[in-house]
């Protein structure tokens, strides 16, 4: 325990209509955003963990450059699974996220229910806490699960959708002893 966990949303990705969202890569803009976040954080991390989705891994790799650290990946930190759903326009996607958050036990468009994604993500954070002590940890993940997690910690689950809409690529927050030290939505 006593870890300081920095939660980072991945950088801007390249949307590829013919591929599942979990395989989308970072854009050049996303790589620049990751570099800017690294500078803004100004932290030497002891551990870097990422979801196993491509855009999160590529974001984490920016933080690993020039360090002896290895990247750990785990699907517990993946985004809400939407890979079996249809490709949606930006507006349709936003509307679907709102419906998914309002109906946490329902899999909108064959998506993973938000309740399931939050439980999975929380289990992953608990695993981090159990396996590391007094570390500065970077966890690179995704907008929906990070919004759900922070809203839960802050006890403001009813505003999770509006918070998600404010989240930007490479937004970051800090949690220490299960308390939000820096909100991911600023």
C-alpha atoms as a PDB file:
ATOM      1  CA  UNK A   1       0.000   0.000   0.000  1.00  0.00           C
ATOM      2  CA  UNK A   2       0.959   3.662   0.234  1.00  0.00           C
ATOM      3  CA  UNK A   3       1.401   3.703  -3.517  1.00  0.00           C
ATOM      4  CA  UNK A   4       0.878   6.854  -5.497  1.00  0.00           C
ATOM      5  CA  UNK A   5      -0.904   5.803  -8.676  1.00  0.00           C
ATOM      6  CA  UNK A   6      -0.959   8.161 -11.633  1.00  0.00           C
ATOM      7  CA  UNK A   7      -3.873   7.305 -13.920  1.00  0.00           C
ATOM      8  CA  UNK A   8      -3.364   8.459 -17.504  1.00  0.00           C
ATOM      9  CA  UNK A   9      -5.759   8.326 -20.398  1.00  0.00           C
ATOM     10  CA  UNK A  10      -4.018   7.337 -23.650  1.00  0.00           C
ATOM     11  CA  UNK A  11      -3.252   9.942 -26.285  1.00  0.00           C
ATOM     12  CA  UNK A  12      -5.331  10.709 -29.371  1.00  0.00           C
ATOM     13  CA  UNK A  13      -5.736   7.644 -31.572  1.00  0.00           C
ATOM     14  CA  UNK A  14      -6.220   7.007 -35.267  1.00  0.00           C
ATOM     15  CA  UNK A  15      -9.805   5.877 -35.795  1.00  0.00           C
ATOM     16  CA  UNK A  16      -9.920   2.948 -38.185  1.00  0.00           C
ATOM     17  CA  UNK A  17     -13.473   2.012 -39.170  1.00  0.00           C
ATOM     18  CA  UNK A  18     -12.426  -1.429 -40.397  1.00  0.00           C
ATOM     19  CA  UNK A  19     -10.714  -2.446 -37.125  1.00  0.00           C
ATOM     20  CA  UNK A  20     -11.883  -2.948 -33.567  1.00  0.00           C
ATOM     21  CA  UNK A  21     -11.293   0.103 -31.340  1.00  0.00           C
ATOM     22  CA  UNK A  22      -8.941  -1.928 -29.129  1.00  0.00           C
ATOM     23  CA  UNK A  23      -6.409  -2.148 -31.999  1.00  0.00           C
ATOM     24  CA  UNK A  24      -6.373   1.530 -32.998  1.00  0.00           C
ATOM     25  CA  UNK A  25      -2.887   3.098 -32.832  1.00  0.00           C
ATOM     26  CA  UNK A  26      -1.825   6.475 -31.475  1.00  0.00           C
ATOM     27  CA  UNK A  27      -1.747   9.344 -33.908  1.00  0.00           C
ATOM     28  CA  UNK A  28       1.276  11.636 -34.151  1.00  0.00           C
ATOM     29  CA  UNK A  29      -0.780  14.124 -32.134  1.00  0.00           C
ATOM     30  CA  UNK A  30      -1.295  11.407 -29.505  1.00  0.00           C
ATOM     31  CA  UNK A  31       2.450  10.810 -29.254  1.00  0.00           C
ATOM     32  CA  UNK A  32       2.993  14.556 -28.761  1.00  0.00           C
ATOM     33  CA  UNK A  33       0.266  14.595 -26.083  1.00  0.00           C
ATOM     34  CA  UNK A  34       2.011  11.747 -24.258  1.00  0.00           C
ATOM     35  CA  UNK A  35       5.315  13.644 -24.360  1.00  0.00           C
ATOM     36  CA  UNK A  36       3.579  16.739 -22.957  1.00  0.00           C
ATOM     37  CA  UNK A  37       1.952  14.700 -20.180  1.00  0.00           C
ATOM     38  CA  UNK A  38       5.311  13.146 -19.294  1.00  0.00           C
ATOM     39  CA  UNK A  39       6.830  16.607 -18.963  1.00  0.00           C
ATOM     40  CA  UNK A  40       3.847  17.941 -16.986  1.00  0.00           C
ATOM     41  CA  UNK A  41       3.938  15.028 -14.522  1.00  0.00           C
ATOM     42  CA  UNK A  42       7.681  15.310 -13.995  1.00  0.00           C
ATOM     43  CA  UNK A  43       7.787  12.014 -12.124  1.00  0.00           C
ATOM     44  CA  UNK A  44      10.285   9.183 -12.216  1.00  0.00           C
ATOM     45  CA  UNK A  45       8.037   6.127 -12.064  1.00  0.00           C
ATOM     46  CA  UNK A  46       8.933   2.871 -10.338  1.00  0.00           C
ATOM     47  CA  UNK A  47       6.351   0.868 -12.275  1.00  0.00           C
ATOM     48  CA  UNK A  48       4.553   1.458 -15.588  1.00  0.00           C
ATOM     49  CA  UNK A  49       1.409  -0.551 -16.324  1.00  0.00           C
ATOM     50  CA  UNK A  50      -0.900  -0.331 -19.316  1.00  0.00           C
ATOM     51  CA  UNK A  51      -4.007  -1.909 -20.668  1.00  0.00           C
ATOM     52  CA  UNK A  52      -3.118  -4.314 -23.445  1.00  0.00           C
ATOM     53  CA  UNK A  53      -4.744  -2.115 -26.087  1.00  0.00           C
ATOM     54  CA  UNK A  54      -2.382  -0.710 -28.699  1.00  0.00           C
ATOM     55  CA  UNK A  55      -3.000   3.028 -28.089  1.00  0.00           C
ATOM     56  CA  UNK A  56      -2.432   2.643 -24.339  1.00  0.00           C
ATOM     57  CA  UNK A  57       0.754   0.635 -24.851  1.00  0.00           C
ATOM     58  CA  UNK A  58       2.093   3.242 -27.280  1.00  0.00           C
ATOM     59  CA  UNK A  59       1.304   6.002 -24.759  1.00  0.00           C
ATOM     60  CA  UNK A  60       3.079   4.091 -21.973  1.00  0.00           C
ATOM     61  CA  UNK A  61       6.128   3.542 -24.191  1.00  0.00           C
ATOM     62  CA  UNK A  62       6.705   7.304 -24.250  1.00  0.00           C
ATOM     63  CA  UNK A  63       7.151   7.194 -20.470  1.00  0.00           C
ATOM     64  CA  UNK A  64       9.505   4.214 -20.680  1.00  0.00           C
ATOM     65  CA  UNK A  65      11.896   5.848 -23.145  1.00  0.00           C
ATOM     66  CA  UNK A  66      15.300   6.286 -21.535  1.00  0.00           C
ATOM     67  CA  UNK A  67      14.452   4.198 -18.460  1.00  0.00           C
ATOM     68  CA  UNK A  68      15.414   0.630 -17.530  1.00  0.00           C
ATOM     69  CA  UNK A  69      11.768  -0.211 -16.782  1.00  0.00           C
ATOM     70  CA  UNK A  70       9.728  -2.819 -18.594  1.00  0.00           C
ATOM     71  CA  UNK A  71       6.091  -2.329 -19.422  1.00  0.00           C
ATOM     72  CA  UNK A  72       3.527  -4.552 -17.725  1.00  0.00           C
ATOM     73  CA  UNK A  73       0.217  -4.938 -19.546  1.00  0.00           C
ATOM     74  CA  UNK A  74      -3.038  -6.393 -18.329  1.00  0.00           C
ATOM     75  CA  UNK A  75      -6.492  -6.654 -19.891  1.00  0.00           C
ATOM     76  CA  UNK A  76      -8.039  -5.697 -16.535  1.00  0.00           C
ATOM     77  CA  UNK A  77      -7.215  -2.115 -17.528  1.00  0.00           C
ATOM     78  CA  UNK A  78      -8.710  -2.287 -21.028  1.00  0.00           C
ATOM     79  CA  UNK A  79     -11.459   0.056 -22.097  1.00  0.00           C
ATOM     80  CA  UNK A  80     -15.101  -0.927 -21.941  1.00  0.00           C
ATOM     81  CA  UNK A  81     -15.142  -3.692 -24.555  1.00  0.00           C
ATOM     82  CA  UNK A  82     -16.891  -2.348 -27.662  1.00  0.00           C
ATOM     83  CA  UNK A  83     -15.195  -4.537 -30.249  1.00  0.00           C
ATOM     84  CA  UNK A  84     -18.328  -6.544 -31.090  1.00  0.00           C
ATOM     85  CA  UNK A  85     -20.439  -3.440 -31.627  1.00  0.00           C
ATOM     86  CA  UNK A  86     -20.873  -1.533 -34.876  1.00  0.00           C
ATOM     87  CA  UNK A  87     -18.719   1.397 -35.914  1.00  0.00           C
ATOM     88  CA  UNK A  88     -20.469   4.581 -34.767  1.00  0.00           C
ATOM     89  CA  UNK A  89     -20.174   8.209 -35.768  1.00  0.00           C
ATOM     90  CA  UNK A  90     -18.791  10.540 -33.106  1.00  0.00           C
ATOM     91  CA  UNK A  91     -22.314  11.693 -32.197  1.00  0.00           C
ATOM     92  CA  UNK A  92     -23.731   8.142 -32.119  1.00  0.00           C
ATOM     93  CA  UNK A  93     -20.781   7.034 -29.995  1.00  0.00           C
ATOM     94  CA  UNK A  94     -21.327   9.816 -27.464  1.00  0.00           C
ATOM     95  CA  UNK A  95     -25.053   9.029 -27.245  1.00  0.00           C
ATOM     96  CA  UNK A  96     -24.264   5.339 -26.770  1.00  0.00           C
ATOM     97  CA  UNK A  97     -21.761   6.056 -24.004  1.00  0.00           C
ATOM     98  CA  UNK A  98     -24.410   8.146 -22.243  1.00  0.00           C
ATOM     99  CA  UNK A  99     -26.914   5.252 -22.517  1.00  0.00           C
ATOM    100  CA  UNK A 100     -24.305   2.750 -21.329  1.00  0.00           C
ATOM    101  CA  UNK A 101     -23.489   4.859 -18.265  1.00  0.00           C
ATOM    102  CA  UNK A 102     -27.178   5.405 -17.474  1.00  0.00           C
ATOM    103  CA  UNK A 103     -27.825   1.643 -17.765  1.00  0.00           C
ATOM    104  CA  UNK A 104     -24.731   0.073 -16.147  1.00  0.00           C
ATOM    105  CA  UNK A 105     -25.986  -3.514 -16.320  1.00  0.00           C
ATOM    106  CA  UNK A 106     -26.929  -3.381 -20.013  1.00  0.00           C
ATOM    107  CA  UNK A 107     -24.561  -4.048 -22.909  1.00  0.00           C
ATOM    108  CA  UNK A 108     -25.486  -1.305 -25.384  1.00  0.00           C
ATOM    109  CA  UNK A 109     -24.644  -2.415 -28.998  1.00  0.00           C
ATOM    110  CA  UNK A 110     -23.200  -5.687 -27.609  1.00  0.00           C
ATOM    111  CA  UNK A 111     -20.712  -3.668 -25.542  1.00  0.00           C
ATOM    112  CA  UNK A 112     -19.510  -4.834 -22.165  1.00  0.00           C
ATOM    113  CA  UNK A 113     -21.816  -3.376 -19.477  1.00  0.00           C
ATOM    114  CA  UNK A 114     -20.239  -0.430 -17.669  1.00  0.00           C
ATOM    115  CA  UNK A 115     -20.780  -2.150 -14.311  1.00  0.00           C
ATOM    116  CA  UNK A 116     -18.678  -5.080 -15.521  1.00  0.00           C
ATOM    117  CA  UNK A 117     -15.926  -2.817 -16.886  1.00  0.00           C
ATOM    118  CA  UNK A 118     -15.742  -0.876 -13.620  1.00  0.00           C
ATOM    119  CA  UNK A 119     -15.590  -4.085 -11.550  1.00  0.00           C
ATOM    120  CA  UNK A 120     -12.802  -5.451 -13.779  1.00  0.00           C
ATOM    121  CA  UNK A 121     -10.827  -2.208 -13.617  1.00  0.00           C
ATOM    122  CA  UNK A 122     -11.254  -1.924  -9.830  1.00  0.00           C
ATOM    123  CA  UNK A 123     -10.025  -5.508  -9.443  1.00  0.00           C
ATOM    124  CA  UNK A 124      -6.920  -4.512 -11.387  1.00  0.00           C
ATOM    125  CA  UNK A 125      -6.253  -1.504  -9.164  1.00  0.00           C
ATOM    126  CA  UNK A 126      -6.676  -3.711  -6.076  1.00  0.00           C
ATOM    127  CA  UNK A 127      -4.123  -6.117  -7.583  1.00  0.00           C
ATOM    128  CA  UNK A 128      -1.678  -3.221  -8.027  1.00  0.00           C
ATOM    129  CA  UNK A 129      -2.133  -2.218  -4.395  1.00  0.00           C
ATOM    130  CA  UNK A 130      -1.605  -5.793  -3.197  1.00  0.00           C
ATOM    131  CA  UNK A 131       1.555  -6.380  -5.237  1.00  0.00           C
ATOM    132  CA  UNK A 132       3.376  -3.044  -4.827  1.00  0.00           C
ATOM    133  CA  UNK A 133       4.387  -1.020  -1.787  1.00  0.00           C
ATOM    134  CA  UNK A 134       5.370   2.664  -1.606  1.00  0.00           C
ATOM    135  CA  UNK A 135       5.808   3.033  -5.362  1.00  0.00           C
ATOM    136  CA  UNK A 136       5.105   5.766  -7.896  1.00  0.00           C
ATOM    137  CA  UNK A 137       3.045   3.885 -10.455  1.00  0.00           C
ATOM    138  CA  UNK A 138       1.850   4.996 -13.875  1.00  0.00           C
ATOM    139  CA  UNK A 139      -1.298   3.249 -15.116  1.00  0.00           C
ATOM    140  CA  UNK A 140      -2.253   4.012 -18.722  1.00  0.00           C
ATOM    141  CA  UNK A 141      -5.847   3.211 -19.550  1.00  0.00           C
ATOM    142  CA  UNK A 142      -8.957   4.614 -21.246  1.00  0.00           C
ATOM    143  CA  UNK A 143     -11.589   7.300 -20.954  1.00  0.00           C
ATOM    144  CA  UNK A 144     -14.709   5.375 -20.027  1.00  0.00           C
ATOM    145  CA  UNK A 145     -13.185   3.120 -17.366  1.00  0.00           C
ATOM    146  CA  UNK A 146     -11.152   5.984 -15.903  1.00  0.00           C
ATOM    147  CA  UNK A 147     -14.258   8.180 -15.742  1.00  0.00           C
ATOM    148  CA  UNK A 148     -16.214   5.418 -14.029  1.00  0.00           C
ATOM    149  CA  UNK A 149     -13.403   4.722 -11.547  1.00  0.00           C
ATOM    150  CA  UNK A 150     -12.791   8.341 -10.547  1.00  0.00           C
ATOM    151  CA  UNK A 151     -16.529   9.114 -10.292  1.00  0.00           C
ATOM    152  CA  UNK A 152     -16.882   6.102  -7.978  1.00  0.00           C
ATOM    153  CA  UNK A 153     -13.970   7.173  -5.769  1.00  0.00           C
ATOM    154  CA  UNK A 154     -15.369  10.702  -5.576  1.00  0.00           C
ATOM    155  CA  UNK A 155     -18.912   9.438  -4.893  1.00  0.00           C
ATOM    156  CA  UNK A 156     -20.352  11.323  -7.861  1.00  0.00           C
ATOM    157  CA  UNK A 157     -21.481   8.496 -10.110  1.00  0.00           C
ATOM    158  CA  UNK A 158     -24.520  10.430 -11.276  1.00  0.00           C
ATOM    159  CA  UNK A 159     -22.292  12.894 -13.148  1.00  0.00           C
ATOM    160  CA  UNK A 160     -20.002  10.325 -14.792  1.00  0.00           C
ATOM    161  CA  UNK A 161     -21.149  11.058 -18.357  1.00  0.00           C
ATOM    162  CA  UNK A 162     -20.596  14.809 -18.094  1.00  0.00           C
ATOM    163  CA  UNK A 163     -17.181  14.122 -16.574  1.00  0.00           C
ATOM    164  CA  UNK A 164     -16.330  11.709 -19.408  1.00  0.00           C
ATOM    165  CA  UNK A 165     -17.179  14.402 -21.965  1.00  0.00           C
ATOM    166  CA  UNK A 166     -14.661  16.744 -20.296  1.00  0.00           C
ATOM    167  CA  UNK A 167     -11.873  14.159 -20.349  1.00  0.00           C
ATOM    168  CA  UNK A 168      -9.175  14.852 -22.937  1.00  0.00           C
ATOM    169  CA  UNK A 169      -6.453  12.660 -24.422  1.00  0.00           C
ATOM    170  CA  UNK A 170      -3.637  12.266 -21.889  1.00  0.00           C
ATOM    171  CA  UNK A 171      -5.712  13.637 -19.007  1.00  0.00           C
ATOM    172  CA  UNK A 172      -4.247  12.367 -15.755  1.00  0.00           C
ATOM    173  CA  UNK A 173      -5.121  12.103 -12.098  1.00  0.00           C
ATOM    174  CA  UNK A 174      -3.530  10.779  -8.931  1.00  0.00           C
ATOM    175  CA  UNK A 175      -4.896   8.377  -6.320  1.00  0.00           C
ATOM    176  CA  UNK A 176      -3.146   7.662  -3.053  1.00  0.00           C
ATOM    177  CA  UNK A 177      -4.596   5.366  -0.380  1.00  0.00           C
ATOM    178  CA  UNK A 178      -7.824   5.186  -2.410  1.00  0.00           C
ATOM    179  CA  UNK A 179      -8.228   8.960  -2.180  1.00  0.00           C
ATOM    180  CA  UNK A 180      -8.220  11.221  -5.194  1.00  0.00           C
ATOM    181  CA  UNK A 181      -5.258  13.581  -4.780  1.00  0.00           C
ATOM    182  CA  UNK A 182      -5.636  15.060  -8.278  1.00  0.00           C
ATOM    183  CA  UNK A 183      -8.847  14.616 -10.229  1.00  0.00           C
ATOM    184  CA  UNK A 184      -8.480  13.301 -13.747  1.00  0.00           C
ATOM    185  CA  UNK A 185     -11.046  15.857 -14.902  1.00  0.00           C
ATOM    186  CA  UNK A 186      -9.791  19.385 -14.426  1.00  0.00           C
END
